[in-house]
């Protein structure tokens, strides 16, 4: 009877090295012990991947927020400059009319 490992194959980029070391240690266990530990390991691997995805989403959202804030600050400064220029022109024009 051949046993196919239920341990999820993962890339080293997705998981921390200590978790990969744990996975390798569990693979080296006898089949009876491995069968009892693999479900818990699968849950840990999935939760680690989920946390990594969530962290990436949060980092992307923060990066977008920073970029949006830069655009808003630029727009605010441009609007202020335009306002000041219009006020100056209006003041000059009003002064010439009198």
PDB file of N, CA and C in Angstrom:
ATOM      1  N   UNK A   1       0.838  -1.179   0.000  1.00  0.00           N
ATOM      2  CA  UNK A   1       0.000   0.000   0.000  1.00  0.00           C
ATOM      3  C   UNK A   1       0.880   1.238   0.000  1.00  0.00           C
ATOM      4  N   UNK A   2       0.749   2.059  -1.008  1.00  0.00           N
ATOM      5  CA  UNK A   2       1.543   3.277  -1.066  1.00  0.00           C
ATOM      6  C   UNK A   2       0.773   4.410  -0.416  1.00  0.00           C
ATOM      7  N   UNK A   3       1.496   5.254   0.237  1.00  0.00           N
ATOM      8  CA  UNK A   3       0.873   6.394   0.921  1.00  0.00           C
ATOM      9  C   UNK A   3       1.289   7.675   0.224  1.00  0.00           C
ATOM     10  N   UNK A   4       0.316   8.449  -0.203  1.00  0.00           N
ATOM     11  CA  UNK A   4       0.579   9.752  -0.798  1.00  0.00           C
ATOM     12  C   UNK A   4       0.522  10.776   0.317  1.00  0.00           C
ATOM     13  N   UNK A   5       1.569  11.556   0.429  1.00  0.00           N
ATOM     14  CA  UNK A   5       1.622  12.552   1.494  1.00  0.00           C
ATOM     15  C   UNK A   5       0.552  13.614   1.295  1.00  0.00           C
ATOM     16  N   UNK A   6      -0.152  13.934   2.380  1.00  0.00           N
ATOM     17  CA  UNK A   6      -1.163  14.989   2.330  1.00  0.00           C
ATOM     18  C   UNK A   6      -0.549  16.343   2.634  1.00  0.00           C
ATOM     19  N   UNK A   7       0.731  16.359   2.945  1.00  0.00           N
ATOM     20  CA  UNK A   7       1.390  17.617   3.247  1.00  0.00           C
ATOM     21  C   UNK A   7       1.445  18.442   1.972  1.00  0.00           C
ATOM     22  N   UNK A   8       0.986  19.665   2.075  1.00  0.00           N
ATOM     23  CA  UNK A   8       0.911  20.549   0.921  1.00  0.00           C
ATOM     24  C   UNK A   8       2.323  20.946   0.496  1.00  0.00           C
ATOM     25  N   UNK A   9       2.604  20.759  -0.781  1.00  0.00           N
ATOM     26  CA  UNK A   9       3.885  21.206  -1.313  1.00  0.00           C
ATOM     27  C   UNK A   9       3.858  22.726  -1.423  1.00  0.00           C
ATOM     28  N   UNK A  10       4.818  23.367  -0.832  1.00  0.00           N
ATOM     29  CA  UNK A  10       4.838  24.828  -0.829  1.00  0.00           C
ATOM     30  C   UNK A  10       6.194  25.321  -1.284  1.00  0.00           C
ATOM     31  N   UNK A  11       6.218  26.531  -1.750  1.00  0.00           N
ATOM     32  CA  UNK A  11       7.489  27.133  -2.129  1.00  0.00           C
ATOM     33  C   UNK A  11       8.101  27.783  -0.903  1.00  0.00           C
ATOM     34  N   UNK A  12       9.400  27.862  -0.893  1.00  0.00           N
ATOM     35  CA  UNK A  12      10.087  28.448   0.255  1.00  0.00           C
ATOM     36  C   UNK A  12       9.813  29.942   0.369  1.00  0.00           C
ATOM     37  N   UNK A  13       9.311  30.565  -0.698  1.00  0.00           N
ATOM     38  CA  UNK A  13       9.000  31.993  -0.642  1.00  0.00           C
ATOM     39  C   UNK A  13       7.740  32.255   0.173  1.00  0.00           C
ATOM     40  N   UNK A  14       6.829  31.298   0.226  1.00  0.00           N
ATOM     41  CA  UNK A  14       5.558  31.492   0.898  1.00  0.00           C
ATOM     42  C   UNK A  14       5.620  31.209   2.389  1.00  0.00           C
ATOM     43  N   UNK A  15       6.488  30.333   2.813  1.00  0.00           N
ATOM     44  CA  UNK A  15       6.513  29.911   4.202  1.00  0.00           C
ATOM     45  C   UNK A  15       7.854  30.233   4.861  1.00  0.00           C
ATOM     46  N   UNK A  16       7.808  30.517   6.161  1.00  0.00           N
ATOM     47  CA  UNK A  16       9.061  30.751   6.885  1.00  0.00           C
ATOM     48  C   UNK A  16       9.910  29.481   6.933  1.00  0.00           C
ATOM     49  N   UNK A  17      11.195  29.668   7.055  1.00  0.00           N
ATOM     50  CA  UNK A  17      12.111  28.528   7.039  1.00  0.00           C
ATOM     51  C   UNK A  17      11.840  27.557   8.181  1.00  0.00           C
ATOM     52  N   UNK A  18      11.487  28.050   9.363  1.00  0.00           N
ATOM     53  CA  UNK A  18      11.237  27.135  10.473  1.00  0.00           C
ATOM     54  C   UNK A  18      10.025  26.242  10.220  1.00  0.00           C
ATOM     55  N   UNK A  19       9.039  26.758   9.505  1.00  0.00           N
ATOM     56  CA  UNK A  19       7.878  25.934   9.156  1.00  0.00           C
ATOM     57  C   UNK A  19       8.252  24.892   8.106  1.00  0.00           C
ATOM     58  N   UNK A  20       9.112  25.261   7.176  1.00  0.00           N
ATOM     59  CA  UNK A  20       9.594  24.283   6.194  1.00  0.00           C
ATOM     60  C   UNK A  20      10.422  23.194   6.870  1.00  0.00           C
ATOM     61  N   UNK A  21      11.227  23.587   7.860  1.00  0.00           N
ATOM     62  CA  UNK A  21      12.008  22.599   8.616  1.00  0.00           C
ATOM     63  C   UNK A  21      11.084  21.643   9.362  1.00  0.00           C
ATOM     64  N   UNK A  22      10.017  22.186   9.959  1.00  0.00           N
ATOM     65  CA  UNK A  22       9.046  21.349  10.655  1.00  0.00           C
ATOM     66  C   UNK A  22       8.371  20.383   9.686  1.00  0.00           C
ATOM     67  N   UNK A  23       8.015  20.880   8.515  1.00  0.00           N
ATOM     68  CA  UNK A  23       7.390  20.025   7.503  1.00  0.00           C
ATOM     69  C   UNK A  23       8.316  18.873   7.119  1.00  0.00           C
ATOM     70  N   UNK A  24       9.586  19.174   6.918  1.00  0.00           N
ATOM     71  CA  UNK A  24      10.546  18.127   6.565  1.00  0.00           C
ATOM     72  C   UNK A  24      10.725  17.124   7.698  1.00  0.00           C
ATOM     73  N   UNK A  25      10.712  17.605   8.930  1.00  0.00           N
ATOM     74  CA  UNK A  25      10.842  16.700  10.073  1.00  0.00           C
ATOM     75  C   UNK A  25       9.624  15.780  10.170  1.00  0.00           C
ATOM     76  N   UNK A  26       8.456  16.308   9.882  1.00  0.00           N
ATOM     77  CA  UNK A  26       7.236  15.490   9.939  1.00  0.00           C
ATOM     78  C   UNK A  26       7.237  14.449   8.828  1.00  0.00           C
ATOM     79  N   UNK A  27       7.772  14.799   7.677  1.00  0.00           N
ATOM     80  CA  UNK A  27       7.857  13.819   6.579  1.00  0.00           C
ATOM     81  C   UNK A  27       8.765  12.651   6.941  1.00  0.00           C
ATOM     82  N   UNK A  28       9.730  12.901   7.806  1.00  0.00           N
ATOM     83  CA  UNK A  28      10.677  11.851   8.192  1.00  0.00           C
ATOM     84  C   UNK A  28      10.095  10.919   9.257  1.00  0.00           C
ATOM     85  N   UNK A  29       8.963  11.261   9.838  1.00  0.00           N
ATOM     86  CA  UNK A  29       8.352  10.421  10.875  1.00  0.00           C
ATOM     87  C   UNK A  29       7.772   9.153  10.272  1.00  0.00           C
ATOM     88  N   UNK A  30       7.625   8.121  11.091  1.00  0.00           N
ATOM     89  CA  UNK A  30       6.924   6.913  10.630  1.00  0.00           C
ATOM     90  C   UNK A  30       5.470   7.253  10.275  1.00  0.00           C
ATOM     91  N   UNK A  31       4.893   6.470   9.406  1.00  0.00           N
ATOM     92  CA  UNK A  31       3.564   6.758   8.862  1.00  0.00           C
ATOM     93  C   UNK A  31       2.505   6.912   9.951  1.00  0.00           C
ATOM     94  N   UNK A  32       2.576   6.102  11.009  1.00  0.00           N
ATOM     95  CA  UNK A  32       1.564   6.159  12.067  1.00  0.00           C
ATOM     96  C   UNK A  32       1.596   7.522  12.762  1.00  0.00           C
ATOM     97  N   UNK A  33       2.772   7.991  13.056  1.00  0.00           N
ATOM     98  CA  UNK A  33       2.908   9.302  13.711  1.00  0.00           C
ATOM     99  C   UNK A  33       2.584  10.430  12.742  1.00  0.00           C
ATOM    100  N   UNK A  34       3.008  10.269  11.516  1.00  0.00           N
ATOM    101  CA  UNK A  34       2.781  11.302  10.508  1.00  0.00           C
ATOM    102  C   UNK A  34       1.291  11.546  10.296  1.00  0.00           C
ATOM    103  N   UNK A  35       0.507  10.474  10.271  1.00  0.00           N
ATOM    104  CA  UNK A  35      -0.929  10.610  10.043  1.00  0.00           C
ATOM    105  C   UNK A  35      -1.620  11.408  11.146  1.00  0.00           C
ATOM    106  N   UNK A  36      -1.100  11.374  12.346  1.00  0.00           N
ATOM    107  CA  UNK A  36      -1.728  12.132  13.433  1.00  0.00           C
ATOM    108  C   UNK A  36      -1.309  13.595  13.433  1.00  0.00           C
ATOM    109  N   UNK A  37      -0.154  13.885  12.881  1.00  0.00           N
ATOM    110  CA  UNK A  37       0.384  15.247  12.934  1.00  0.00           C
ATOM    111  C   UNK A  37       0.074  16.059  11.677  1.00  0.00           C
ATOM    112  N   UNK A  38      -0.076  15.387  10.549  1.00  0.00           N
ATOM    113  CA  UNK A  38      -0.267  16.079   9.271  1.00  0.00           C
ATOM    114  C   UNK A  38      -1.488  17.002   9.250  1.00  0.00           C
ATOM    115  N   UNK A  39      -2.654  16.627   9.787  1.00  0.00           N
ATOM    116  CA  UNK A  39      -3.788  17.565   9.763  1.00  0.00           C
ATOM    117  C   UNK A  39      -3.493  18.887  10.475  1.00  0.00           C
ATOM    118  N   UNK A  40      -2.809  18.810  11.605  1.00  0.00           N
ATOM    119  CA  UNK A  40      -2.452  20.044  12.326  1.00  0.00           C
ATOM    120  C   UNK A  40      -1.457  20.862  11.513  1.00  0.00           C
ATOM    121  N   UNK A  41      -0.505  20.204  10.888  1.00  0.00           N
ATOM    122  CA  UNK A  41       0.467  20.906  10.061  1.00  0.00           C
ATOM    123  C   UNK A  41      -0.224  21.580   8.876  1.00  0.00           C
ATOM    124  N   UNK A  42      -1.173  20.883   8.258  1.00  0.00           N
ATOM    125  CA  UNK A  42      -1.908  21.475   7.141  1.00  0.00           C
ATOM    126  C   UNK A  42      -2.634  22.748   7.562  1.00  0.00           C
ATOM    127  N   UNK A  43      -3.242  22.726   8.751  1.00  0.00           N
ATOM    128  CA  UNK A  43      -3.932  23.914   9.254  1.00  0.00           C
ATOM    129  C   UNK A  43      -2.953  25.067   9.487  1.00  0.00           C
ATOM    130  N   UNK A  44      -1.794  24.745  10.043  1.00  0.00           N
ATOM    131  CA  UNK A  44      -0.784  25.781  10.302  1.00  0.00           C
ATOM    132  C   UNK A  44      -0.287  26.376   8.989  1.00  0.00           C
ATOM    133  N   UNK A  45      -0.049  25.536   8.005  1.00  0.00           N
ATOM    134  CA  UNK A  45       0.428  26.014   6.703  1.00  0.00           C
ATOM    135  C   UNK A  45      -0.623  26.905   6.049  1.00  0.00           C
ATOM    136  N   UNK A  46      -1.879  26.467   6.075  1.00  0.00           N
ATOM    137  CA  UNK A  46      -2.942  27.273   5.466  1.00  0.00           C
ATOM    138  C   UNK A  46      -3.116  28.608   6.188  1.00  0.00           C
ATOM    139  N   UNK A  47      -3.074  28.599   7.511  1.00  0.00           N
ATOM    140  CA  UNK A  47      -3.233  29.865   8.237  1.00  0.00           C
ATOM    141  C   UNK A  47      -2.047  30.790   7.990  1.00  0.00           C
ATOM    142  N   UNK A  48      -0.864  30.222   7.838  1.00  0.00           N
ATOM    143  CA  UNK A  48       0.319  31.034   7.533  1.00  0.00           C
ATOM    144  C   UNK A  48       0.184  31.672   6.158  1.00  0.00           C
ATOM    145  N   UNK A  49      -0.276  30.889   5.183  1.00  0.00           N
ATOM    146  CA  UNK A  49      -0.484  31.437   3.837  1.00  0.00           C
ATOM    147  C   UNK A  49      -1.559  32.519   3.846  1.00  0.00           C
ATOM    148  N   UNK A  50      -2.635  32.272   4.604  1.00  0.00           N
ATOM    149  CA  UNK A  50      -3.719  33.259   4.684  1.00  0.00           C
ATOM    150  C   UNK A  50      -3.222  34.562   5.316  1.00  0.00           C
ATOM    151  N   UNK A  51      -2.465  34.450   6.391  1.00  0.00           N
ATOM    152  CA  UNK A  51      -1.908  35.654   7.029  1.00  0.00           C
ATOM    153  C   UNK A  51      -0.971  36.390   6.080  1.00  0.00           C
ATOM    154  N   UNK A  52      -0.189  35.657   5.314  1.00  0.00           N
ATOM    155  CA  UNK A  52       0.733  36.280   4.361  1.00  0.00           C
ATOM    156  C   UNK A  52      -0.050  37.028   3.281  1.00  0.00           C
ATOM    157  N   UNK A  53      -1.146  36.408   2.782  1.00  0.00           N
ATOM    158  CA  UNK A  53      -1.978  37.070   1.776  1.00  0.00           C
ATOM    159  C   UNK A  53      -2.628  38.328   2.350  1.00  0.00           C
ATOM    160  N   UNK A  54      -3.133  38.223   3.574  1.00  0.00           N
ATOM    161  CA  UNK A  54      -3.753  39.384   4.213  1.00  0.00           C
ATOM    162  C   UNK A  54      -2.726  40.491   4.410  1.00  0.00           C
ATOM    163  N   UNK A  55      -1.544  40.128   4.857  1.00  0.00           N
ATOM    164  CA  UNK A  55      -0.485  41.120   5.048  1.00  0.00           C
ATOM    165  C   UNK A  55      -0.137  41.803   3.733  1.00  0.00           C
ATOM    166  N   UNK A  56      -0.050  41.037   2.655  1.00  0.00           N
ATOM    167  CA  UNK A  56       0.235  41.618   1.345  1.00  0.00           C
ATOM    168  C   UNK A  56      -0.874  42.566   0.906  1.00  0.00           C
ATOM    169  N   UNK A  57      -2.133  42.181   1.161  1.00  0.00           N
ATOM    170  CA  UNK A  57      -3.253  43.055   0.811  1.00  0.00           C
ATOM    171  C   UNK A  57      -3.196  44.359   1.608  1.00  0.00           C
ATOM    172  N   UNK A  58      -2.896  44.257   2.891  1.00  0.00           N
ATOM    173  CA  UNK A  58      -2.800  45.457   3.731  1.00  0.00           C
ATOM    174  C   UNK A  58      -1.646  46.345   3.264  1.00  0.00           C
ATOM    175  N   UNK A  59      -0.514  45.739   2.950  1.00  0.00           N
ATOM    176  CA  UNK A  59       0.626  46.523   2.469  1.00  0.00           C
ATOM    177  C   UNK A  59       0.301  47.215   1.151  1.00  0.00           C
ATOM    178  N   UNK A  60      -0.387  46.512   0.248  1.00  0.00           N
ATOM    179  CA  UNK A  60      -0.790  47.120  -1.020  1.00  0.00           C
ATOM    180  C   UNK A  60      -1.764  48.271  -0.792  1.00  0.00           C
ATOM    181  N   UNK A  61      -2.704  48.071   0.128  1.00  0.00           N
ATOM    182  CA  UNK A  61      -3.679  49.125   0.424  1.00  0.00           C
ATOM    183  C   UNK A  61      -2.984  50.344   1.022  1.00  0.00           C
ATOM    184  N   UNK A  62      -2.022  50.118   1.900  1.00  0.00           N
ATOM    185  CA  UNK A  62      -1.279  51.240   2.484  1.00  0.00           C
ATOM    186  C   UNK A  62      -0.454  51.979   1.429  1.00  0.00           C
ATOM    187  N   UNK A  63       0.144  51.232   0.533  1.00  0.00           N
ATOM    188  CA  UNK A  63       0.909  51.869  -0.540  1.00  0.00           C
ATOM    189  C   UNK A  63      -0.009  52.727  -1.412  1.00  0.00           C
ATOM    190  N   UNK A  64      -1.182  52.200  -1.732  1.00  0.00           N
ATOM    191  CA  UNK A  64      -2.135  52.961  -2.536  1.00  0.00           C
ATOM    192  C   UNK A  64      -2.609  54.188  -1.777  1.00  0.00           C
ATOM    193  N   UNK A  65      -2.847  54.055  -0.486  1.00  0.00           N
ATOM    194  CA  UNK A  65      -3.265  55.190   0.332  1.00  0.00           C
ATOM    195  C   UNK A  65      -2.188  56.269   0.354  1.00  0.00           C
ATOM    196  N   UNK A  66      -0.946  55.865   0.497  1.00  0.00           N
ATOM    197  CA  UNK A  66       0.159  56.844   0.481  1.00  0.00           C
ATOM    198  C   UNK A  66       0.207  57.581  -0.856  1.00  0.00           C
ATOM    199  N   UNK A  67       0.054  56.841  -1.942  1.00  0.00           N
ATOM    200  CA  UNK A  67       0.065  57.459  -3.257  1.00  0.00           C
ATOM    201  C   UNK A  67      -1.113  58.415  -3.412  1.00  0.00           C
ATOM    202  N   UNK A  68      -2.299  57.980  -2.989  1.00  0.00           N
ATOM    203  CA  UNK A  68      -3.480  58.839  -3.058  1.00  0.00           C
ATOM    204  C   UNK A  68      -3.284  60.108  -2.234  1.00  0.00           C
ATOM    205  N   UNK A  69      -2.669  59.974  -1.068  1.00  0.00           N
ATOM    206  CA  UNK A  69      -2.418  61.147  -0.222  1.00  0.00           C
ATOM    207  C   UNK A  69      -1.456  62.118  -0.922  1.00  0.00           C
ATOM    208  N   UNK A  70      -0.454  61.597  -1.593  1.00  0.00           N
ATOM    209  CA  UNK A  70       0.479  62.470  -2.317  1.00  0.00           C
ATOM    210  C   UNK A  70      -0.250  63.236  -3.418  1.00  0.00           C
ATOM    211  N   UNK A  71      -1.112  62.527  -4.163  1.00  0.00           N
ATOM    212  CA  UNK A  71      -1.895  63.204  -5.197  1.00  0.00           C
ATOM    213  C   UNK A  71      -2.814  64.260  -4.602  1.00  0.00           C
ATOM    214  N   UNK A  72      -3.456  63.931  -3.483  1.00  0.00           N
ATOM    215  CA  UNK A  72      -4.347  64.894  -2.841  1.00  0.00           C
ATOM    216  C   UNK A  72      -3.591  66.120  -2.342  1.00  0.00           C
ATOM    217  N   UNK A  73      -2.406  65.910  -1.761  1.00  0.00           N
ATOM    218  CA  UNK A  73      -1.607  67.043  -1.289  1.00  0.00           C
ATOM    219  C   UNK A  73      -1.163  67.909  -2.469  1.00  0.00           C
ATOM    220  N   UNK A  74      -0.771  67.269  -3.564  1.00  0.00           N
ATOM    221  CA  UNK A  74      -0.388  68.030  -4.748  1.00  0.00           C
ATOM    222  C   UNK A  74      -1.571  68.850  -5.256  1.00  0.00           C
ATOM    223  N   UNK A  75      -2.747  68.213  -5.325  1.00  0.00           N
ATOM    224  CA  UNK A  75      -3.948  68.896  -5.794  1.00  0.00           C
ATOM    225  C   UNK A  75      -4.320  70.047  -4.867  1.00  0.00           C
ATOM    226  N   UNK A  76      -4.211  69.852  -3.563  1.00  0.00           N
ATOM    227  CA  UNK A  76      -4.516  70.904  -2.603  1.00  0.00           C
ATOM    228  C   UNK A  76      -3.589  72.099  -2.783  1.00  0.00           C
ATOM    229  N   UNK A  77      -2.302  71.830  -2.924  1.00  0.00           N
ATOM    230  CA  UNK A  77      -1.347  72.925  -3.123  1.00  0.00           C
ATOM    231  C   UNK A  77      -1.611  73.658  -4.434  1.00  0.00           C
ATOM    232  N   UNK A  78      -1.922  72.924  -5.497  1.00  0.00           N
ATOM    233  CA  UNK A  78      -2.227  73.559  -6.778  1.00  0.00           C
ATOM    234  C   UNK A  78      -3.484  74.411  -6.662  1.00  0.00           C
ATOM    235  N   UNK A  79      -4.478  73.903  -5.962  1.00  0.00           N
ATOM    236  CA  UNK A  79      -5.724  74.656  -5.773  1.00  0.00           C
ATOM    237  C   UNK A  79      -5.460  75.928  -4.972  1.00  0.00           C
ATOM    238  N   UNK A  80      -4.632  75.831  -3.951  1.00  0.00           N
ATOM    239  CA  UNK A  80      -4.283  77.024  -3.161  1.00  0.00           C
ATOM    240  C   UNK A  80      -3.544  78.054  -4.006  1.00  0.00           C
ATOM    241  N   UNK A  81      -2.606  77.581  -4.822  1.00  0.00           N
ATOM    242  CA  UNK A  81      -1.875  78.514  -5.692  1.00  0.00           C
ATOM    243  C   UNK A  81      -2.820  79.198  -6.670  1.00  0.00           C
ATOM    244  N   UNK A  82      -3.733  78.405  -7.251  1.00  0.00           N
ATOM    245  CA  UNK A  82      -4.709  78.989  -8.182  1.00  0.00           C
ATOM    246  C   UNK A  82      -5.600  80.008  -7.473  1.00  0.00           C
ATOM    247  N   UNK A  83      -6.046  79.671  -6.269  1.00  0.00           N
ATOM    248  CA  UNK A  83      -6.885  80.594  -5.502  1.00  0.00           C
ATOM    249  C   UNK A  83      -6.141  81.894  -5.227  1.00  0.00           C
ATOM    250  N   UNK A  84      -4.907  81.777  -4.773  1.00  0.00           N
ATOM    251  CA  UNK A  84      -4.118  82.973  -4.470  1.00  0.00           C
ATOM    252  C   UNK A  84      -3.877  83.811  -5.720  1.00  0.00           C
ATOM    253  N   UNK A  85      -3.646  83.150  -6.843  1.00  0.00           N
ATOM    254  CA  UNK A  85      -3.442  83.873  -8.102  1.00  0.00           C
ATOM    255  C   UNK A  85      -4.724  84.585  -8.516  1.00  0.00           C
ATOM    256  N   UNK A  86      -5.861  83.930  -8.411  1.00  0.00           N
ATOM    257  CA  UNK A  86      -7.135  84.577  -8.757  1.00  0.00           C
ATOM    258  C   UNK A  86      -7.428  85.748  -7.827  1.00  0.00           C
ATOM    259  N   UNK A  87      -7.136  85.582  -6.545  1.00  0.00           N
ATOM    260  CA  UNK A  87      -7.335  86.682  -5.600  1.00  0.00           C
ATOM    261  C   UNK A  87      -6.437  87.867  -5.961  1.00  0.00           C
ATOM    262  N   UNK A  88      -5.192  87.569  -6.317  1.00  0.00           N
ATOM    263  CA  UNK A  88      -4.266  88.631  -6.697  1.00  0.00           C
ATOM    264  C   UNK A  88      -4.763  89.357  -7.943  1.00  0.00           C
ATOM    265  N   UNK A  89      -5.206  88.574  -8.945  1.00  0.00           N
ATOM    266  CA  UNK A  89      -5.724  89.192 -10.163  1.00  0.00           C
ATOM    267  C   UNK A  89      -6.986  89.996  -9.874  1.00  0.00           C
ATOM    268  N   UNK A  90      -7.836  89.476  -9.049  1.00  0.00           N
ATOM    269  CA  UNK A  90      -9.063  90.176  -8.696  1.00  0.00           C
ATOM    270  C   UNK A  90      -8.743  91.485  -7.955  1.00  0.00           C
ATOM    271  N   UNK A  91      -7.781  91.432  -7.072  1.00  0.00           N
ATOM    272  CA  UNK A  91      -7.366  92.628  -6.335  1.00  0.00           C
ATOM    273  C   UNK A  91      -6.756  93.663  -7.251  1.00  0.00           C
ATOM    274  N   UNK A  92      -5.967  93.235  -8.200  1.00  0.00           N
ATOM    275  CA  UNK A  92      -5.347  94.156  -9.157  1.00  0.00           C
ATOM    276  C   UNK A  92      -6.418  94.758 -10.050  1.00  0.00           C
ATOM    277  N   UNK A  93      -7.342  93.904 -10.536  1.00  0.00           N
ATOM    278  CA  UNK A  93      -8.408  94.384 -11.407  1.00  0.00           C
ATOM    279  C   UNK A  93      -9.315  95.372 -10.676  1.00  0.00           C
ATOM    280  N   UNK A  94      -9.669  95.083  -9.429  1.00  0.00           N
ATOM    281  CA  UNK A  94     -10.520  95.979  -8.647  1.00  0.00           C
ATOM    282  C   UNK A  94      -9.817  97.295  -8.387  1.00  0.00           C
ATOM    283  N   UNK A  95      -8.513  97.230  -8.179  1.00  0.00           N
ATOM    284  CA  UNK A  95      -7.759  98.456  -7.933  1.00  0.00           C
ATOM    285  C   UNK A  95      -7.692  99.354  -9.159  1.00  0.00           C
ATOM    286  N   UNK A  96      -7.666  98.752 -10.343  1.00  0.00           N
ATOM    287  CA  UNK A  96      -7.612  99.551 -11.570  1.00  0.00           C
ATOM    288  C   UNK A  96      -8.938 100.184 -11.903  1.00  0.00           C
ATOM    289  N   UNK A  97     -10.055  99.540 -11.478  1.00  0.00           N
ATOM    290  CA  UNK A  97     -11.367 100.064 -11.797  1.00  0.00           C
ATOM    291  C   UNK A  97     -11.676 101.327 -11.006  1.00  0.00           C
ATOM    292  N   UNK A  98     -11.092 101.525  -9.845  1.00  0.00           N
ATOM    293  CA  UNK A  98     -11.433 102.652  -8.995  1.00  0.00           C
ATOM    294  C   UNK A  98     -10.709 103.883  -9.366  1.00  0.00           C
TER     295      UNK A  98
END
